[in-house]
Amino acid sequence: MKNPWLKKNPFLSMWLSGANAVIGATRGRASAQAKRQANAIWTAALTPPKPKKRRGRR
């Protein structure tokens, strides 16, 4: 007698495929955002601060 739990389920397969696609896209966006933030931190740390604008007295 065959075990019914070992039979392929096309609906589960489609659901897992879609979930994997969504998770992959989310992971890619999160990775890109983390790289942008790291780049911004390094850029801010390595560039000198801009001089403050001075307002004249009246």
N, C-alpha and C. Protein backbone atom coordinates (compact mmCIF):
# COMPACT_ATOMS: atom_id res chain seq x y z
N MET A 1 0.83 -1.17 0.00
CA MET A 1 0.00 0.00 0.00
C MET A 1 0.88 1.25 0.00
N LYS A 2 0.53 2.25 -0.85
CA LYS A 2 1.32 3.47 -0.95
C LYS A 2 0.98 4.41 0.20
N ASN A 3 1.98 5.14 0.62
CA ASN A 3 1.81 6.13 1.67
C ASN A 3 1.26 7.42 1.06
N PRO A 4 0.06 7.90 1.43
CA PRO A 4 -0.49 9.11 0.81
C PRO A 4 0.28 10.38 1.18
N TRP A 5 1.06 10.35 2.23
CA TRP A 5 1.83 11.54 2.62
C TRP A 5 3.03 11.79 1.71
N LEU A 6 3.42 10.77 0.96
CA LEU A 6 4.57 10.92 0.08
C LEU A 6 4.17 11.33 -1.33
N LYS A 7 2.87 11.38 -1.60
CA LYS A 7 2.39 11.75 -2.92
C LYS A 7 2.59 13.25 -3.13
N LYS A 8 2.93 13.65 -4.36
CA LYS A 8 3.15 15.06 -4.68
C LYS A 8 1.83 15.81 -4.66
N ASN A 9 1.87 17.01 -4.11
CA ASN A 9 0.69 17.85 -4.03
C ASN A 9 0.94 19.09 -4.88
N PRO A 10 0.28 19.23 -6.03
CA PRO A 10 0.56 20.37 -6.92
C PRO A 10 0.18 21.71 -6.30
N PHE A 11 -0.86 21.76 -5.48
CA PHE A 11 -1.25 23.02 -4.85
C PHE A 11 -0.21 23.48 -3.83
N LEU A 12 0.29 22.55 -3.05
CA LEU A 12 1.33 22.89 -2.08
C LEU A 12 2.59 23.33 -2.81
N SER A 13 2.89 22.66 -3.90
CA SER A 13 4.07 23.02 -4.68
C SER A 13 3.94 24.43 -5.23
N MET A 14 2.77 24.80 -5.76
CA MET A 14 2.56 26.15 -6.29
C MET A 14 2.63 27.18 -5.17
N TRP A 15 2.05 26.86 -4.02
CA TRP A 15 2.05 27.79 -2.90
C TRP A 15 3.48 28.04 -2.42
N LEU A 16 4.26 26.98 -2.28
CA LEU A 16 5.64 27.12 -1.83
C LEU A 16 6.49 27.88 -2.85
N SER A 17 6.23 27.65 -4.13
CA SER A 17 6.96 28.36 -5.17
C SER A 17 6.66 29.86 -5.11
N GLY A 18 5.40 30.22 -4.93
CA GLY A 18 5.04 31.63 -4.81
C GLY A 18 5.62 32.26 -3.56
N ALA A 19 5.56 31.54 -2.45
CA ALA A 19 6.12 32.05 -1.20
C ALA A 19 7.63 32.25 -1.33
N ASN A 20 8.30 31.34 -2.00
CA ASN A 20 9.74 31.45 -2.20
C ASN A 20 10.07 32.67 -3.05
N ALA A 21 9.25 32.96 -4.06
CA ALA A 21 9.48 34.12 -4.91
C ALA A 21 9.32 35.41 -4.10
N VAL A 22 8.30 35.48 -3.28
CA VAL A 22 8.06 36.68 -2.46
C VAL A 22 9.20 36.87 -1.46
N ILE A 23 9.61 35.81 -0.82
CA ILE A 23 10.69 35.91 0.17
C ILE A 23 12.00 36.30 -0.51
N GLY A 24 12.25 35.77 -1.69
CA GLY A 24 13.46 36.13 -2.43
C GLY A 24 13.48 37.60 -2.81
N ALA A 25 12.33 38.12 -3.26
CA ALA A 25 12.26 39.54 -3.62
C ALA A 25 12.45 40.42 -2.39
N THR A 26 11.84 40.03 -1.28
CA THR A 26 11.98 40.79 -0.03
C THR A 26 13.43 40.78 0.44
N ARG A 27 14.05 39.63 0.35
CA ARG A 27 15.46 39.52 0.76
C ARG A 27 16.34 40.42 -0.11
N GLY A 28 16.07 40.46 -1.42
CA GLY A 28 16.86 41.31 -2.31
C GLY A 28 16.70 42.77 -1.99
N ARG A 29 15.46 43.20 -1.70
CA ARG A 29 15.22 44.60 -1.35
C ARG A 29 15.89 44.96 -0.04
N ALA A 30 15.82 44.07 0.94
CA ALA A 30 16.44 44.33 2.25
C ALA A 30 17.96 44.42 2.12
N SER A 31 18.52 43.54 1.30
CA SER A 31 19.96 43.55 1.10
C SER A 31 20.41 44.84 0.42
N ALA A 32 19.66 45.29 -0.58
CA ALA A 32 20.00 46.53 -1.28
C ALA A 32 19.90 47.73 -0.34
N GLN A 33 18.88 47.75 0.50
CA GLN A 33 18.72 48.86 1.46
C GLN A 33 19.85 48.86 2.47
N ALA A 34 20.26 47.70 2.93
CA ALA A 34 21.37 47.62 3.89
C ALA A 34 22.66 48.13 3.25
N LYS A 35 22.89 47.80 1.99
CA LYS A 35 24.08 48.30 1.30
C LYS A 35 24.04 49.81 1.15
N ARG A 36 22.86 50.36 0.83
CA ARG A 36 22.73 51.81 0.70
C ARG A 36 23.01 52.50 2.03
N GLN A 37 22.48 51.94 3.12
CA GLN A 37 22.69 52.56 4.43
C GLN A 37 24.16 52.48 4.84
N ALA A 38 24.80 51.35 4.56
CA ALA A 38 26.22 51.22 4.91
C ALA A 38 27.05 52.22 4.11
N ASN A 39 26.69 52.39 2.85
CA ASN A 39 27.41 53.34 2.01
C ASN A 39 27.22 54.76 2.53
N ALA A 40 26.02 55.10 2.95
CA ALA A 40 25.74 56.43 3.48
C ALA A 40 26.52 56.69 4.77
N ILE A 41 26.62 55.68 5.61
CA ILE A 41 27.36 55.84 6.87
C ILE A 41 28.83 56.09 6.60
N TRP A 42 29.41 55.30 5.68
CA TRP A 42 30.83 55.47 5.36
C TRP A 42 31.08 56.81 4.69
N THR A 43 30.18 57.22 3.82
CA THR A 43 30.35 58.50 3.14
C THR A 43 30.30 59.64 4.15
N ALA A 44 29.36 59.58 5.08
CA ALA A 44 29.25 60.63 6.09
C ALA A 44 30.46 60.64 7.01
N ALA A 45 31.00 59.47 7.31
CA ALA A 45 32.14 59.39 8.23
C ALA A 45 33.43 59.88 7.59
N LEU A 46 33.57 59.72 6.29
CA LEU A 46 34.83 60.03 5.63
C LEU A 46 34.87 61.41 4.98
N THR A 47 33.75 62.08 4.89
CA THR A 47 33.76 63.43 4.31
C THR A 47 33.76 64.46 5.43
N PRO A 48 34.46 65.55 5.21
CA PRO A 48 34.49 66.58 6.26
C PRO A 48 33.12 67.26 6.36
N PRO A 49 32.79 67.75 7.55
CA PRO A 49 31.48 68.42 7.70
C PRO A 49 31.46 69.74 6.93
N LYS A 50 30.29 70.10 6.44
CA LYS A 50 30.15 71.35 5.70
C LYS A 50 30.23 72.52 6.69
N PRO A 51 30.84 73.62 6.28
CA PRO A 51 30.89 74.77 7.19
C PRO A 51 29.49 75.34 7.40
N LYS A 52 29.25 75.81 8.63
CA LYS A 52 27.95 76.37 8.95
C LYS A 52 27.83 77.74 8.33
N LYS A 53 26.62 78.03 7.86
CA LYS A 53 26.37 79.35 7.29
C LYS A 53 26.24 80.35 8.43
N ARG A 54 26.88 81.48 8.26
CA ARG A 54 26.83 82.51 9.30
C ARG A 54 25.88 83.62 8.84
N ARG A 55 25.05 83.99 9.74
CA ARG A 55 24.14 85.08 9.46
C ARG A 55 24.75 86.37 10.01
N GLY A 56 24.67 87.42 9.23
CA GLY A 56 25.23 88.71 9.67
C GLY A 56 24.33 89.37 10.69
N ARG A 57 24.95 90.20 11.53
CA ARG A 57 24.19 90.95 12.53
C ARG A 57 23.54 92.15 11.89
N ARG A 58 22.44 92.57 12.46
CA ARG A 58 21.76 93.78 11.95
C ARG A 58 21.99 94.92 12.85
